[in-house]
Amino acid sequence: MRRKNNTSRRAAAGRGFTLIELLLVLVILAVLAAIVVPRFTGRTLDAQIKAARAAISNFSTQLDIFEIDFNRYPTTEEGLAVLLNPPDGRPPYIGKTNFLDPWGNPYVYRYPGQRNTDSYDLYSLGPDGRESDDDITNWD
């Protein structure tokens, strides 16, 4: 009987992991996370800023086309929404969009602009959601 118990213990031990093996795996994962995570933490903010700049550039192009067609820029009251529903029943200047920046705030459009006095100001309030140094603008 004794021999049978030793055999069954060996078989049971071969089926699982020891505590040391599990701890070793956890240490390896922690080291990998310590190396990889810092590399990606700043990437999200960079991507959001680039997305806001691209959207402002796209809106600016469409606003310039609107100006060519109507010999004026949209008023502040018309805002960017006029690009979806132009006057005179013309087709939209831009595809379906919600005019929100990557942080969920609406883009700010002013005509005439305070910074661009001969045209318009268009900007995102940036990550903090208020007018500050981190705003992404069409005058930089």
N, C-alpha and C. Protein backbone atom coordinates (compact mmCIF):
# COMPACT_ATOMS: atom_id res chain seq x y z
N MET A 1 0.80 -1.19 0.00
CA MET A 1 0.00 0.00 0.00
C MET A 1 0.85 1.25 0.00
N ARG A 2 1.93 1.19 0.71
CA ARG A 2 2.79 2.35 0.79
C ARG A 2 3.28 2.77 -0.60
N ARG A 3 3.64 1.85 -1.38
CA ARG A 3 4.14 2.13 -2.72
C ARG A 3 3.06 2.81 -3.57
N LYS A 4 1.85 2.41 -3.42
CA LYS A 4 0.75 2.99 -4.18
C LYS A 4 0.56 4.46 -3.82
N ASN A 5 0.68 4.80 -2.55
CA ASN A 5 0.53 6.19 -2.12
C ASN A 5 1.63 7.08 -2.69
N ASN A 6 2.88 6.58 -2.71
CA ASN A 6 3.97 7.35 -3.30
C ASN A 6 3.73 7.60 -4.78
N THR A 7 3.27 6.63 -5.45
CA THR A 7 3.01 6.76 -6.88
C THR A 7 1.90 7.76 -7.14
N SER A 8 0.85 7.71 -6.35
CA SER A 8 -0.25 8.64 -6.56
C SER A 8 0.17 10.08 -6.21
N ARG A 9 1.05 10.26 -5.21
CA ARG A 9 1.55 11.60 -4.88
C ARG A 9 2.39 12.15 -6.02
N ARG A 10 3.20 11.35 -6.62
CA ARG A 10 4.02 11.81 -7.75
C ARG A 10 3.14 12.19 -8.93
N ALA A 11 2.12 11.41 -9.17
CA ALA A 11 1.22 11.71 -10.28
C ALA A 11 0.48 13.02 -10.02
N ALA A 12 0.06 13.24 -8.78
CA ALA A 12 -0.65 14.48 -8.44
C ALA A 12 0.30 15.67 -8.53
N ALA A 13 1.55 15.51 -8.10
CA ALA A 13 2.51 16.60 -8.15
C ALA A 13 2.85 16.97 -9.60
N GLY A 14 2.81 16.06 -10.50
CA GLY A 14 3.13 16.33 -11.90
C GLY A 14 2.03 17.07 -12.63
N ARG A 15 0.84 17.13 -12.06
CA ARG A 15 -0.29 17.76 -12.74
C ARG A 15 -0.39 19.26 -12.49
N GLY A 16 0.21 19.82 -11.48
CA GLY A 16 0.03 21.23 -11.13
C GLY A 16 1.35 21.97 -11.10
N PHE A 17 1.28 23.21 -10.70
CA PHE A 17 2.46 24.04 -10.58
C PHE A 17 2.79 24.23 -9.11
N THR A 18 4.05 24.38 -8.83
CA THR A 18 4.44 24.65 -7.45
C THR A 18 4.30 26.14 -7.18
N LEU A 19 4.29 26.49 -5.95
CA LEU A 19 4.18 27.89 -5.54
C LEU A 19 5.35 28.70 -6.08
N ILE A 20 6.52 28.12 -6.09
CA ILE A 20 7.72 28.81 -6.60
C ILE A 20 7.58 29.08 -8.09
N GLU A 21 7.06 28.13 -8.84
CA GLU A 21 6.87 28.34 -10.27
C GLU A 21 5.86 29.47 -10.52
N LEU A 22 4.78 29.50 -9.77
CA LEU A 22 3.79 30.55 -9.92
C LEU A 22 4.37 31.92 -9.57
N LEU A 23 5.13 31.98 -8.50
CA LEU A 23 5.76 33.24 -8.11
C LEU A 23 6.76 33.71 -9.17
N LEU A 24 7.50 32.78 -9.74
CA LEU A 24 8.46 33.11 -10.79
C LEU A 24 7.74 33.71 -12.00
N VAL A 25 6.62 33.13 -12.39
CA VAL A 25 5.84 33.65 -13.51
C VAL A 25 5.33 35.05 -13.18
N LEU A 26 4.84 35.27 -11.97
CA LEU A 26 4.35 36.59 -11.57
C LEU A 26 5.47 37.63 -11.59
N VAL A 27 6.66 37.25 -11.15
CA VAL A 27 7.80 38.18 -11.18
C VAL A 27 8.14 38.54 -12.62
N ILE A 28 8.15 37.57 -13.50
CA ILE A 28 8.46 37.83 -14.92
C ILE A 28 7.42 38.77 -15.52
N LEU A 29 6.13 38.52 -15.23
CA LEU A 29 5.08 39.40 -15.74
C LEU A 29 5.21 40.81 -15.19
N ALA A 30 5.56 40.95 -13.93
CA ALA A 30 5.74 42.26 -13.32
C ALA A 30 6.89 43.01 -13.97
N VAL A 31 7.98 42.32 -14.25
CA VAL A 31 9.13 42.96 -14.90
C VAL A 31 8.76 43.41 -16.31
N LEU A 32 8.06 42.56 -17.04
CA LEU A 32 7.63 42.95 -18.39
C LEU A 32 6.68 44.14 -18.35
N ALA A 33 5.76 44.15 -17.40
CA ALA A 33 4.84 45.28 -17.27
C ALA A 33 5.60 46.56 -16.92
N ALA A 34 6.60 46.45 -16.07
CA ALA A 34 7.39 47.62 -15.68
C ALA A 34 8.15 48.19 -16.88
N ILE A 35 8.48 47.36 -17.83
CA ILE A 35 9.20 47.82 -19.02
C ILE A 35 8.24 48.38 -20.06
N VAL A 36 7.12 47.71 -20.29
CA VAL A 36 6.22 48.04 -21.39
C VAL A 36 5.26 49.17 -21.05
N VAL A 37 4.67 49.18 -19.87
CA VAL A 37 3.63 50.16 -19.54
C VAL A 37 4.12 51.60 -19.66
N PRO A 38 5.28 51.97 -19.16
CA PRO A 38 5.70 53.37 -19.31
C PRO A 38 5.85 53.81 -20.76
N ARG A 39 6.12 52.91 -21.65
CA ARG A 39 6.27 53.27 -23.06
C ARG A 39 4.95 53.66 -23.69
N PHE A 40 3.84 53.12 -23.18
CA PHE A 40 2.55 53.37 -23.78
C PHE A 40 1.71 54.40 -23.04
N THR A 41 2.11 54.83 -21.88
CA THR A 41 1.28 55.76 -21.11
C THR A 41 1.13 57.10 -21.80
N GLY A 42 2.15 57.63 -22.41
CA GLY A 42 2.06 58.92 -23.09
C GLY A 42 1.50 58.81 -24.49
N ARG A 43 1.36 57.65 -25.01
CA ARG A 43 0.90 57.46 -26.39
C ARG A 43 -0.56 57.85 -26.58
N THR A 44 -1.39 57.60 -25.60
CA THR A 44 -2.81 57.92 -25.73
C THR A 44 -3.00 59.42 -25.88
N LEU A 45 -2.36 60.21 -25.04
CA LEU A 45 -2.49 61.66 -25.13
C LEU A 45 -1.95 62.16 -26.47
N ASP A 46 -0.81 61.63 -26.91
CA ASP A 46 -0.25 62.04 -28.21
C ASP A 46 -1.24 61.72 -29.34
N ALA A 47 -1.85 60.56 -29.29
CA ALA A 47 -2.81 60.16 -30.32
C ALA A 47 -4.03 61.07 -30.30
N GLN A 48 -4.51 61.44 -29.12
CA GLN A 48 -5.67 62.33 -29.02
C GLN A 48 -5.35 63.72 -29.57
N ILE A 49 -4.17 64.21 -29.29
CA ILE A 49 -3.76 65.52 -29.80
C ILE A 49 -3.66 65.49 -31.31
N LYS A 50 -3.07 64.43 -31.85
CA LYS A 50 -2.97 64.31 -33.32
C LYS A 50 -4.35 64.19 -33.96
N ALA A 51 -5.26 63.48 -33.31
CA ALA A 51 -6.62 63.35 -33.84
C ALA A 51 -7.33 64.70 -33.84
N ALA A 52 -7.15 65.49 -32.80
CA ALA A 52 -7.77 66.82 -32.74
C ALA A 52 -7.19 67.73 -33.84
N ARG A 53 -5.87 67.67 -34.03
CA ARG A 53 -5.25 68.48 -35.09
C ARG A 53 -5.77 68.07 -36.47
N ALA A 54 -5.91 66.77 -36.69
CA ALA A 54 -6.41 66.29 -37.98
C ALA A 54 -7.86 66.74 -38.20
N ALA A 55 -8.68 66.69 -37.17
CA ALA A 55 -10.07 67.12 -37.29
C ALA A 55 -10.14 68.62 -37.59
N ILE A 56 -9.34 69.41 -36.90
CA ILE A 56 -9.32 70.85 -37.14
C ILE A 56 -8.88 71.14 -38.57
N SER A 57 -7.89 70.42 -39.04
CA SER A 57 -7.43 70.59 -40.42
C SER A 57 -8.54 70.23 -41.41
N ASN A 58 -9.24 69.14 -41.16
CA ASN A 58 -10.34 68.71 -42.03
C ASN A 58 -11.47 69.74 -42.02
N PHE A 59 -11.86 70.20 -40.82
CA PHE A 59 -12.91 71.21 -40.74
C PHE A 59 -12.48 72.49 -41.45
N SER A 60 -11.21 72.87 -41.31
CA SER A 60 -10.70 74.09 -41.95
C SER A 60 -10.80 73.99 -43.46
N THR A 61 -10.44 72.84 -44.00
CA THR A 61 -10.55 72.64 -45.45
C THR A 61 -11.99 72.80 -45.91
N GLN A 62 -12.91 72.19 -45.18
CA GLN A 62 -14.32 72.27 -45.56
C GLN A 62 -14.87 73.69 -45.38
N LEU A 63 -14.42 74.38 -44.35
CA LEU A 63 -14.83 75.78 -44.15
C LEU A 63 -14.33 76.66 -45.29
N ASP A 64 -13.12 76.40 -45.77
CA ASP A 64 -12.58 77.17 -46.90
C ASP A 64 -13.37 76.89 -48.18
N ILE A 65 -13.79 75.66 -48.38
CA ILE A 65 -14.63 75.33 -49.54
C ILE A 65 -15.99 76.03 -49.41
N PHE A 66 -16.55 76.02 -48.21
CA PHE A 66 -17.81 76.74 -47.96
C PHE A 66 -17.65 78.21 -48.31
N GLU A 67 -16.53 78.79 -47.92
CA GLU A 67 -16.28 80.21 -48.20
C GLU A 67 -16.20 80.46 -49.71
N ILE A 68 -15.60 79.56 -50.43
CA ILE A 68 -15.53 79.70 -51.90
C ILE A 68 -16.94 79.64 -52.51
N ASP A 69 -17.75 78.70 -52.03
CA ASP A 69 -19.10 78.53 -52.58
C ASP A 69 -20.04 79.68 -52.23
N PHE A 70 -19.96 80.21 -51.01
CA PHE A 70 -20.92 81.22 -50.54
C PHE A 70 -20.31 82.61 -50.39
N ASN A 71 -19.03 82.74 -50.67
CA ASN A 71 -18.32 84.02 -50.57
C ASN A 71 -18.36 84.58 -49.14
N ARG A 72 -18.41 83.69 -48.18
CA ARG A 72 -18.40 84.05 -46.76
C ARG A 72 -18.14 82.79 -45.94
N TYR A 73 -17.66 82.99 -44.72
CA TYR A 73 -17.54 81.88 -43.78
C TYR A 73 -18.84 81.76 -43.00
N PRO A 74 -19.13 80.61 -42.44
CA PRO A 74 -20.33 80.49 -41.60
C PRO A 74 -20.22 81.43 -40.40
N THR A 75 -21.33 81.92 -39.95
CA THR A 75 -21.34 82.77 -38.76
C THR A 75 -21.07 81.91 -37.53
N THR A 76 -20.77 82.57 -36.42
CA THR A 76 -20.58 81.85 -35.17
C THR A 76 -21.86 81.09 -34.81
N GLU A 77 -23.01 81.72 -35.05
CA GLU A 77 -24.28 81.08 -34.74
C GLU A 77 -24.52 79.84 -35.60
N GLU A 78 -24.17 79.91 -36.89
CA GLU A 78 -24.31 78.74 -37.76
C GLU A 78 -23.35 77.64 -37.31
N GLY A 79 -22.15 78.04 -36.95
CA GLY A 79 -21.15 77.10 -36.46
C GLY A 79 -20.77 76.03 -37.48
N LEU A 80 -20.15 74.99 -36.96
CA LEU A 80 -19.71 73.90 -37.83
C LEU A 80 -20.88 73.07 -38.35
N ALA A 81 -22.02 73.16 -37.69
CA ALA A 81 -23.19 72.37 -38.11
C ALA A 81 -23.62 72.71 -39.53
N VAL A 82 -23.31 73.91 -40.00
CA VAL A 82 -23.68 74.30 -41.36
C VAL A 82 -22.95 73.44 -42.40
N LEU A 83 -21.85 72.82 -42.00
CA LEU A 83 -21.15 71.92 -42.93
C LEU A 83 -21.97 70.65 -43.20
N LEU A 84 -22.83 70.28 -42.26
CA LEU A 84 -23.72 69.12 -42.45
C LEU A 84 -24.99 69.51 -43.18
N ASN A 85 -25.47 70.72 -42.94
CA ASN A 85 -26.72 71.20 -43.55
C ASN A 85 -26.49 72.57 -44.17
N PRO A 86 -25.83 72.62 -45.33
CA PRO A 86 -25.54 73.91 -45.95
C PRO A 86 -26.82 74.60 -46.44
N PRO A 87 -26.76 75.92 -46.58
CA PRO A 87 -27.91 76.64 -47.14
C PRO A 87 -28.13 76.24 -48.61
N ASP A 88 -29.26 76.59 -49.12
CA ASP A 88 -29.62 76.37 -50.53
C ASP A 88 -29.72 74.89 -50.88
N GLY A 89 -29.85 74.00 -49.92
CA GLY A 89 -30.04 72.58 -50.21
C GLY A 89 -28.84 71.89 -50.84
N ARG A 90 -27.69 72.48 -50.71
CA ARG A 90 -26.48 71.85 -51.26
C ARG A 90 -26.14 70.58 -50.48
N PRO A 91 -25.36 69.70 -51.10
CA PRO A 91 -24.96 68.49 -50.36
C PRO A 91 -24.01 68.84 -49.21
N PRO A 92 -23.97 68.02 -48.18
CA PRO A 92 -23.10 68.30 -47.03
C PRO A 92 -21.63 68.41 -47.44
N TYR A 93 -20.92 69.25 -46.73
CA TYR A 93 -19.49 69.43 -46.96
C TYR A 93 -18.67 68.39 -46.20
N ILE A 94 -19.29 67.74 -45.27
CA ILE A 94 -18.57 66.81 -44.41
C ILE A 94 -19.50 65.65 -44.10
N GLY A 95 -18.89 64.48 -43.90
CA GLY A 95 -19.68 63.31 -43.54
C GLY A 95 -20.24 63.41 -42.15
N LYS A 96 -21.01 62.44 -41.78
CA LYS A 96 -21.65 62.44 -40.45
C LYS A 96 -20.58 62.55 -39.36
N THR A 97 -20.75 63.52 -38.50
CA THR A 97 -19.83 63.73 -37.40
C THR A 97 -20.58 64.39 -36.26
N ASN A 98 -20.01 64.33 -35.06
CA ASN A 98 -20.66 64.95 -33.91
C ASN A 98 -19.94 66.21 -33.44
N PHE A 99 -18.86 66.60 -34.11
CA PHE A 99 -18.10 67.81 -33.80
C PHE A 99 -17.58 67.85 -32.37
N LEU A 100 -17.26 66.68 -31.82
CA LEU A 100 -16.66 66.60 -30.49
C LEU A 100 -15.19 66.24 -30.63
N ASP A 101 -14.36 66.86 -29.80
CA ASP A 101 -12.93 66.55 -29.82
C ASP A 101 -12.69 65.20 -29.12
N PRO A 102 -11.47 64.69 -29.14
CA PRO A 102 -11.20 63.39 -28.53
C PRO A 102 -11.51 63.30 -27.03
N TRP A 103 -11.68 64.44 -26.37
CA TRP A 103 -11.97 64.45 -24.94
C TRP A 103 -13.46 64.66 -24.67
N GLY A 104 -14.27 64.65 -25.74
CA GLY A 104 -15.71 64.77 -25.59
C GLY A 104 -16.26 66.18 -25.52
N ASN A 105 -15.42 67.18 -25.79
CA ASN A 105 -15.86 68.59 -25.77
C ASN A 105 -16.10 69.07 -27.20
N PRO A 106 -17.08 69.95 -27.40
CA PRO A 106 -17.30 70.46 -28.76
C PRO A 106 -16.14 71.35 -29.20
N TYR A 107 -15.84 71.29 -30.49
CA TYR A 107 -14.85 72.22 -31.05
C TYR A 107 -15.44 73.62 -30.99
N VAL A 108 -14.59 74.60 -30.76
CA VAL A 108 -15.04 75.99 -30.67
C VAL A 108 -14.78 76.66 -32.03
N TYR A 109 -15.83 77.27 -32.57
CA TYR A 109 -15.74 77.98 -33.85
C TYR A 109 -16.25 79.40 -33.64
N ARG A 110 -15.46 80.38 -34.10
CA ARG A 110 -15.85 81.80 -34.01
C ARG A 110 -15.55 82.49 -35.33
N TYR A 111 -16.55 83.19 -35.82
CA TYR A 111 -16.34 84.04 -37.00
C TYR A 111 -17.06 85.36 -36.77
N PRO A 112 -16.37 86.45 -36.88
CA PRO A 112 -14.94 86.59 -37.16
C PRO A 112 -14.11 86.15 -35.95
N GLY A 113 -12.91 85.72 -36.25
CA GLY A 113 -12.05 85.21 -35.20
C GLY A 113 -11.43 86.31 -34.36
N GLN A 114 -11.11 85.98 -33.13
CA GLN A 114 -10.39 86.91 -32.27
C GLN A 114 -8.89 86.84 -32.55
N ARG A 115 -8.40 85.65 -32.88
CA ARG A 115 -6.97 85.48 -33.22
C ARG A 115 -6.75 85.66 -34.72
N ASN A 116 -7.62 85.08 -35.53
CA ASN A 116 -7.57 85.22 -36.98
C ASN A 116 -8.64 86.24 -37.37
N THR A 117 -8.31 87.51 -37.31
CA THR A 117 -9.31 88.56 -37.50
C THR A 117 -9.87 88.61 -38.91
N ASP A 118 -9.12 88.09 -39.90
CA ASP A 118 -9.61 88.11 -41.28
C ASP A 118 -10.34 86.82 -41.65
N SER A 119 -10.40 85.87 -40.74
CA SER A 119 -11.14 84.63 -40.99
C SER A 119 -11.77 84.14 -39.69
N TYR A 120 -11.55 82.92 -39.33
CA TYR A 120 -12.22 82.31 -38.19
C TYR A 120 -11.22 81.69 -37.23
N ASP A 121 -11.66 81.52 -36.00
CA ASP A 121 -10.92 80.76 -35.00
C ASP A 121 -11.60 79.40 -34.86
N LEU A 122 -10.81 78.36 -34.85
CA LEU A 122 -11.33 77.00 -34.67
C LEU A 122 -10.36 76.28 -33.76
N TYR A 123 -10.86 75.74 -32.65
CA TYR A 123 -9.95 75.08 -31.72
C TYR A 123 -10.67 74.09 -30.81
N SER A 124 -9.85 73.23 -30.24
CA SER A 124 -10.28 72.29 -29.22
C SER A 124 -9.78 72.80 -27.88
N LEU A 125 -10.57 72.60 -26.84
CA LEU A 125 -10.15 73.03 -25.51
C LEU A 125 -9.09 72.12 -24.90
N GLY A 126 -8.73 71.07 -25.61
CA GLY A 126 -7.65 70.20 -25.16
C GLY A 126 -8.05 69.27 -24.04
N PRO A 127 -7.06 68.58 -23.48
CA PRO A 127 -7.34 67.56 -22.47
C PRO A 127 -8.03 68.08 -21.21
N ASP A 128 -7.78 69.33 -20.83
CA ASP A 128 -8.37 69.82 -19.58
C ASP A 128 -9.78 70.38 -19.77
N GLY A 129 -10.24 70.55 -21.02
CA GLY A 129 -11.60 70.98 -21.28
C GLY A 129 -11.89 72.45 -21.00
N ARG A 130 -10.85 73.27 -20.87
CA ARG A 130 -11.05 74.71 -20.65
C ARG A 130 -9.98 75.47 -21.43
N GLU A 131 -10.23 76.75 -21.66
CA GLU A 131 -9.25 77.54 -22.41
C GLU A 131 -7.98 77.68 -21.58
N SER A 132 -6.88 77.17 -22.15
CA SER A 132 -5.59 77.20 -21.47
C SER A 132 -4.49 76.96 -22.50
N ASP A 133 -3.28 76.74 -22.02
CA ASP A 133 -2.13 76.56 -22.91
C ASP A 133 -2.16 75.25 -23.68
N ASP A 134 -2.99 74.29 -23.28
CA ASP A 134 -3.00 73.00 -23.97
C ASP A 134 -4.02 72.93 -25.11
N ASP A 135 -4.67 74.05 -25.45
CA ASP A 135 -5.65 74.06 -26.52
C ASP A 135 -4.98 73.75 -27.86
N ILE A 136 -5.73 73.08 -28.72
CA ILE A 136 -5.25 72.76 -30.07
C ILE A 136 -6.00 73.70 -31.00
N THR A 137 -5.27 74.55 -31.72
CA THR A 137 -5.90 75.66 -32.45
C THR A 137 -5.54 75.66 -33.93
N ASN A 138 -6.27 76.49 -34.69
CA ASN A 138 -5.94 76.67 -36.11
C ASN A 138 -5.03 77.87 -36.33
N TRP A 139 -4.56 78.51 -35.28
CA TRP A 139 -3.66 79.66 -35.46
C TRP A 139 -2.24 79.37 -35.04
N ASP A 140 -1.93 78.16 -34.61
CA ASP A 140 -0.55 77.81 -34.26
C ASP A 140 0.23 77.38 -35.47
